[in-house]
């Protein structure tokens, strides 16, 4: 196991990675959720969904095999799971379009992002509802939220226990 980072210099690469994840997810959401109705639709939505699956699989592999420091892992998981994943799901929903093409009641990027966070955290207020292929995507997001948030909490508890000798 590698030594835990203690100084800002040792944290720098991890902080850059986290910032990169945040920027990439924001840009994906910003770009895909603002497509015109003529551009958005099933084709670009399917491409975005496949890209999302590849991203989640590659990030999971990276965290499980390449990040050896529990503190670095916890930071990257927190940023990735709590900020990045809902933004990327929102980008995919936006790629399918608005005006009740993917999520009934969503009229723009902010509505889609709100729906994504409500789905990811499995709160499910019921004020918006997915339709068509987006129903399957919403189920995948809810299951992903259960798993990833559970992994984040488990990693935080394990790190706390290790550091406090319990």
C-alpha atoms as a PDB file:
ATOM      1  CA  UNK A   1       0.000   0.000   0.000  1.00  0.00           C
ATOM      2  CA  UNK A   2       1.356   3.407  -0.881  1.00  0.00           C
ATOM      3  CA  UNK A   3       1.928   6.087   1.722  1.00  0.00           C
ATOM      4  CA  UNK A   4      -1.034   8.350   2.412  1.00  0.00           C
ATOM      5  CA  UNK A   5      -0.765  11.896   1.032  1.00  0.00           C
ATOM      6  CA  UNK A   6      -0.135  14.524   3.697  1.00  0.00           C
ATOM      7  CA  UNK A   7       0.915  17.717   1.932  1.00  0.00           C
ATOM      8  CA  UNK A   8      -0.794  19.797  -0.731  1.00  0.00           C
ATOM      9  CA  UNK A   9       1.962  18.778  -3.161  1.00  0.00           C
ATOM     10  CA  UNK A  10       1.164  15.096  -2.583  1.00  0.00           C
ATOM     11  CA  UNK A  11      -2.572  15.774  -3.066  1.00  0.00           C
ATOM     12  CA  UNK A  12      -2.053  17.812  -6.240  1.00  0.00           C
ATOM     13  CA  UNK A  13      -2.503  14.992  -8.772  1.00  0.00           C
ATOM     14  CA  UNK A  14      -5.634  13.741  -7.007  1.00  0.00           C
ATOM     15  CA  UNK A  15      -7.116  17.235  -6.864  1.00  0.00           C
ATOM     16  CA  UNK A  16      -6.379  17.735 -10.569  1.00  0.00           C
ATOM     17  CA  UNK A  17      -8.070  14.415 -11.336  1.00  0.00           C
ATOM     18  CA  UNK A  18     -11.130  15.423  -9.304  1.00  0.00           C
ATOM     19  CA  UNK A  19     -11.271  18.824 -10.989  1.00  0.00           C
ATOM     20  CA  UNK A  20     -10.953  17.143 -14.384  1.00  0.00           C
ATOM     21  CA  UNK A  21     -13.915  14.876 -13.573  1.00  0.00           C
ATOM     22  CA  UNK A  22     -16.028  17.842 -12.510  1.00  0.00           C
ATOM     23  CA  UNK A  23     -15.170  19.883 -15.605  1.00  0.00           C
ATOM     24  CA  UNK A  24     -15.690  16.973 -18.007  1.00  0.00           C
ATOM     25  CA  UNK A  25     -19.083  16.091 -16.523  1.00  0.00           C
ATOM     26  CA  UNK A  26     -20.196  19.724 -16.526  1.00  0.00           C
ATOM     27  CA  UNK A  27     -19.178  20.151 -20.167  1.00  0.00           C
ATOM     28  CA  UNK A  28     -20.958  16.928 -21.160  1.00  0.00           C
ATOM     29  CA  UNK A  29     -24.126  18.048 -19.397  1.00  0.00           C
ATOM     30  CA  UNK A  30     -23.862  21.589 -20.735  1.00  0.00           C
ATOM     31  CA  UNK A  31     -23.309  20.447 -24.313  1.00  0.00           C
ATOM     32  CA  UNK A  32     -25.730  17.531 -24.547  1.00  0.00           C
ATOM     33  CA  UNK A  33     -28.558  19.102 -22.570  1.00  0.00           C
ATOM     34  CA  UNK A  34     -28.634  22.122 -24.868  1.00  0.00           C
ATOM     35  CA  UNK A  35     -29.016  20.307 -28.169  1.00  0.00           C
ATOM     36  CA  UNK A  36     -31.747  21.581 -30.435  1.00  0.00           C
ATOM     37  CA  UNK A  37     -34.840  19.430 -30.792  1.00  0.00           C
ATOM     38  CA  UNK A  38     -33.773  18.656 -34.358  1.00  0.00           C
ATOM     39  CA  UNK A  39     -30.399  17.319 -33.176  1.00  0.00           C
ATOM     40  CA  UNK A  40     -31.426  15.581 -29.957  1.00  0.00           C
ATOM     41  CA  UNK A  41     -33.179  12.263 -30.151  1.00  0.00           C
ATOM     42  CA  UNK A  42     -32.738   8.537 -30.115  1.00  0.00           C
ATOM     43  CA  UNK A  43     -29.502   8.314 -32.109  1.00  0.00           C
ATOM     44  CA  UNK A  44     -27.508  10.814 -30.092  1.00  0.00           C
ATOM     45  CA  UNK A  45     -29.220   9.617 -26.910  1.00  0.00           C
ATOM     46  CA  UNK A  46     -28.100   6.035 -27.561  1.00  0.00           C
ATOM     47  CA  UNK A  47     -24.545   7.170 -28.293  1.00  0.00           C
ATOM     48  CA  UNK A  48     -24.509   9.189 -25.058  1.00  0.00           C
ATOM     49  CA  UNK A  49     -25.912   6.219 -23.094  1.00  0.00           C
ATOM     50  CA  UNK A  50     -23.202   3.887 -24.422  1.00  0.00           C
ATOM     51  CA  UNK A  51     -20.573   6.515 -23.578  1.00  0.00           C
ATOM     52  CA  UNK A  52     -21.966   6.724 -20.043  1.00  0.00           C
ATOM     53  CA  UNK A  53     -21.770   2.950 -19.593  1.00  0.00           C
ATOM     54  CA  UNK A  54     -18.168   2.912 -20.817  1.00  0.00           C
ATOM     55  CA  UNK A  55     -17.281   5.800 -18.499  1.00  0.00           C
ATOM     56  CA  UNK A  56     -18.835   4.156 -15.414  1.00  0.00           C
ATOM     57  CA  UNK A  57     -17.117   0.834 -16.165  1.00  0.00           C
ATOM     58  CA  UNK A  58     -13.723   2.463 -16.753  1.00  0.00           C
ATOM     59  CA  UNK A  59     -13.956   4.604 -13.613  1.00  0.00           C
ATOM     60  CA  UNK A  60     -14.989   1.603 -11.517  1.00  0.00           C
ATOM     61  CA  UNK A  61     -12.046  -0.391 -12.879  1.00  0.00           C
ATOM     62  CA  UNK A  62      -9.677   2.510 -12.211  1.00  0.00           C
ATOM     63  CA  UNK A  63     -10.823   3.014  -8.620  1.00  0.00           C
ATOM     64  CA  UNK A  64     -10.704  -0.696  -7.828  1.00  0.00           C
ATOM     65  CA  UNK A  65      -7.331  -1.452  -9.384  1.00  0.00           C
ATOM     66  CA  UNK A  66      -5.240   1.689  -9.655  1.00  0.00           C
ATOM     67  CA  UNK A  67      -5.969   3.929  -6.660  1.00  0.00           C
ATOM     68  CA  UNK A  68      -4.156   2.440  -3.680  1.00  0.00           C
ATOM     69  CA  UNK A  69      -4.529   5.251  -1.124  1.00  0.00           C
ATOM     70  CA  UNK A  70      -7.837   5.071   0.812  1.00  0.00           C
ATOM     71  CA  UNK A  71      -7.907   8.860   1.253  1.00  0.00           C
ATOM     72  CA  UNK A  72      -7.392   9.490  -2.451  1.00  0.00           C
ATOM     73  CA  UNK A  73      -9.997   6.862  -3.243  1.00  0.00           C
ATOM     74  CA  UNK A  74     -12.511   8.455  -0.882  1.00  0.00           C
ATOM     75  CA  UNK A  75     -12.003  11.925  -2.399  1.00  0.00           C
ATOM     76  CA  UNK A  76     -12.270  10.679  -5.979  1.00  0.00           C
ATOM     77  CA  UNK A  77     -15.286   8.514  -5.152  1.00  0.00           C
ATOM     78  CA  UNK A  78     -16.999  11.420  -3.424  1.00  0.00           C
ATOM     79  CA  UNK A  79     -16.485  13.799  -6.309  1.00  0.00           C
ATOM     80  CA  UNK A  80     -17.212  11.187  -8.937  1.00  0.00           C
ATOM     81  CA  UNK A  81     -20.228   9.591  -7.344  1.00  0.00           C
ATOM     82  CA  UNK A  82     -21.893  12.632  -5.864  1.00  0.00           C
ATOM     83  CA  UNK A  83     -21.247  15.218  -8.582  1.00  0.00           C
ATOM     84  CA  UNK A  84     -20.076  13.598 -11.788  1.00  0.00           C
ATOM     85  CA  UNK A  85     -22.458  10.642 -12.226  1.00  0.00           C
ATOM     86  CA  UNK A  86     -25.707  12.662 -11.902  1.00  0.00           C
ATOM     87  CA  UNK A  87     -24.345  15.283 -14.324  1.00  0.00           C
ATOM     88  CA  UNK A  88     -23.484  12.579 -16.861  1.00  0.00           C
ATOM     89  CA  UNK A  89     -26.890  10.926 -16.544  1.00  0.00           C
ATOM     90  CA  UNK A  90     -28.468  14.378 -16.986  1.00  0.00           C
ATOM     91  CA  UNK A  91     -26.373  14.820 -20.132  1.00  0.00           C
ATOM     92  CA  UNK A  92     -27.752  11.564 -21.525  1.00  0.00           C
ATOM     93  CA  UNK A  93     -31.347  12.519 -20.661  1.00  0.00           C
ATOM     94  CA  UNK A  94     -30.769  15.865 -22.383  1.00  0.00           C
ATOM     95  CA  UNK A  95     -29.375  14.102 -25.444  1.00  0.00           C
ATOM     96  CA  UNK A  96     -32.778  12.456 -25.918  1.00  0.00           C
ATOM     97  CA  UNK A  97     -34.486  15.870 -25.963  1.00  0.00           C
ATOM     98  CA  UNK A  98     -37.182  17.789 -24.091  1.00  0.00           C
ATOM     99  CA  UNK A  99     -40.855  18.488 -24.603  1.00  0.00           C
ATOM    100  CA  UNK A 100     -41.715  15.151 -22.989  1.00  0.00           C
ATOM    101  CA  UNK A 101     -39.423  13.088 -25.244  1.00  0.00           C
ATOM    102  CA  UNK A 102     -37.480  11.613 -22.319  1.00  0.00           C
ATOM    103  CA  UNK A 103     -38.726  13.035 -19.021  1.00  0.00           C
ATOM    104  CA  UNK A 104     -42.309  14.250 -18.726  1.00  0.00           C
ATOM    105  CA  UNK A 105     -42.337  17.698 -17.160  1.00  0.00           C
ATOM    106  CA  UNK A 106     -38.703  18.573 -17.947  1.00  0.00           C
ATOM    107  CA  UNK A 107     -38.429  21.735 -19.997  1.00  0.00           C
ATOM    108  CA  UNK A 108     -34.707  22.400 -19.974  1.00  0.00           C
ATOM    109  CA  UNK A 109     -31.253  21.530 -18.665  1.00  0.00           C
ATOM    110  CA  UNK A 110     -31.947  22.578 -15.059  1.00  0.00           C
ATOM    111  CA  UNK A 111     -35.037  20.350 -14.902  1.00  0.00           C
ATOM    112  CA  UNK A 112     -33.074  17.400 -16.274  1.00  0.00           C
ATOM    113  CA  UNK A 113     -30.270  17.926 -13.747  1.00  0.00           C
ATOM    114  CA  UNK A 114     -32.816  18.136 -10.922  1.00  0.00           C
ATOM    115  CA  UNK A 115     -34.499  14.937 -12.163  1.00  0.00           C
ATOM    116  CA  UNK A 116     -31.114  13.217 -12.344  1.00  0.00           C
ATOM    117  CA  UNK A 117     -30.191  14.065  -8.743  1.00  0.00           C
ATOM    118  CA  UNK A 118     -33.650  13.045  -7.487  1.00  0.00           C
ATOM    119  CA  UNK A 119     -33.309   9.741  -9.338  1.00  0.00           C
ATOM    120  CA  UNK A 120     -29.672   9.123  -8.343  1.00  0.00           C
ATOM    121  CA  UNK A 121     -30.441   9.632  -4.657  1.00  0.00           C
ATOM    122  CA  UNK A 122     -33.644   7.572  -5.081  1.00  0.00           C
ATOM    123  CA  UNK A 123     -35.723  10.334  -3.476  1.00  0.00           C
ATOM    124  CA  UNK A 124     -38.263  10.212  -6.309  1.00  0.00           C
ATOM    125  CA  UNK A 125     -40.536  13.188  -5.659  1.00  0.00           C
ATOM    126  CA  UNK A 126     -42.785  12.165  -8.559  1.00  0.00           C
ATOM    127  CA  UNK A 127     -43.041  15.614 -10.144  1.00  0.00           C
ATOM    128  CA  UNK A 128     -41.277  14.364 -13.287  1.00  0.00           C
ATOM    129  CA  UNK A 129     -41.440  10.938 -14.884  1.00  0.00           C
ATOM    130  CA  UNK A 130     -39.254   9.232 -17.486  1.00  0.00           C
ATOM    131  CA  UNK A 131     -40.776   7.697 -20.620  1.00  0.00           C
ATOM    132  CA  UNK A 132     -39.563   5.290 -23.282  1.00  0.00           C
ATOM    133  CA  UNK A 133     -35.910   4.269 -23.141  1.00  0.00           C
ATOM    134  CA  UNK A 134     -35.334   6.899 -20.452  1.00  0.00           C
ATOM    135  CA  UNK A 135     -37.336   4.726 -18.031  1.00  0.00           C
ATOM    136  CA  UNK A 136     -34.624   2.074 -18.262  1.00  0.00           C
ATOM    137  CA  UNK A 137     -31.978   4.752 -17.933  1.00  0.00           C
ATOM    138  CA  UNK A 138     -33.668   6.094 -14.778  1.00  0.00           C
ATOM    139  CA  UNK A 139     -33.744   2.595 -13.281  1.00  0.00           C
ATOM    140  CA  UNK A 140     -30.045   2.199 -14.086  1.00  0.00           C
ATOM    141  CA  UNK A 141     -29.332   5.557 -12.457  1.00  0.00           C
ATOM    142  CA  UNK A 142     -31.258   4.640  -9.299  1.00  0.00           C
ATOM    143  CA  UNK A 143     -29.444   1.297  -8.990  1.00  0.00           C
ATOM    144  CA  UNK A 144     -26.138   3.041  -9.682  1.00  0.00           C
ATOM    145  CA  UNK A 145     -26.974   5.556  -6.953  1.00  0.00           C
ATOM    146  CA  UNK A 146     -27.700   2.794  -4.434  1.00  0.00           C
ATOM    147  CA  UNK A 147     -24.450   1.018  -5.204  1.00  0.00           C
ATOM    148  CA  UNK A 148     -22.134   4.021  -5.507  1.00  0.00           C
ATOM    149  CA  UNK A 149     -23.448   5.918  -2.500  1.00  0.00           C
ATOM    150  CA  UNK A 150     -23.215   2.685  -0.476  1.00  0.00           C
ATOM    151  CA  UNK A 151     -19.622   2.178  -1.616  1.00  0.00           C
ATOM    152  CA  UNK A 152     -18.792   5.767  -0.677  1.00  0.00           C
ATOM    153  CA  UNK A 153     -20.243   5.395   2.822  1.00  0.00           C
ATOM    154  CA  UNK A 154     -18.492   2.033   3.292  1.00  0.00           C
ATOM    155  CA  UNK A 155     -15.156   3.543   2.215  1.00  0.00           C
ATOM    156  CA  UNK A 156     -15.631   6.500   4.594  1.00  0.00           C
ATOM    157  CA  UNK A 157     -16.449   4.204   7.523  1.00  0.00           C
ATOM    158  CA  UNK A 158     -13.499   1.915   6.725  1.00  0.00           C
ATOM    159  CA  UNK A 159     -11.117   4.869   6.555  1.00  0.00           C
ATOM    160  CA  UNK A 160     -12.458   6.281   9.814  1.00  0.00           C
ATOM    161  CA  UNK A 161     -12.182   2.898  11.540  1.00  0.00           C
ATOM    162  CA  UNK A 162      -8.645   2.375  10.287  1.00  0.00           C
ATOM    163  CA  UNK A 163      -7.528   5.814  11.422  1.00  0.00           C
ATOM    164  CA  UNK A 164      -9.174   5.584  14.830  1.00  0.00           C
ATOM    165  CA  UNK A 165      -8.225   1.975  15.654  1.00  0.00           C
ATOM    166  CA  UNK A 166     -11.782   0.693  16.067  1.00  0.00           C
END
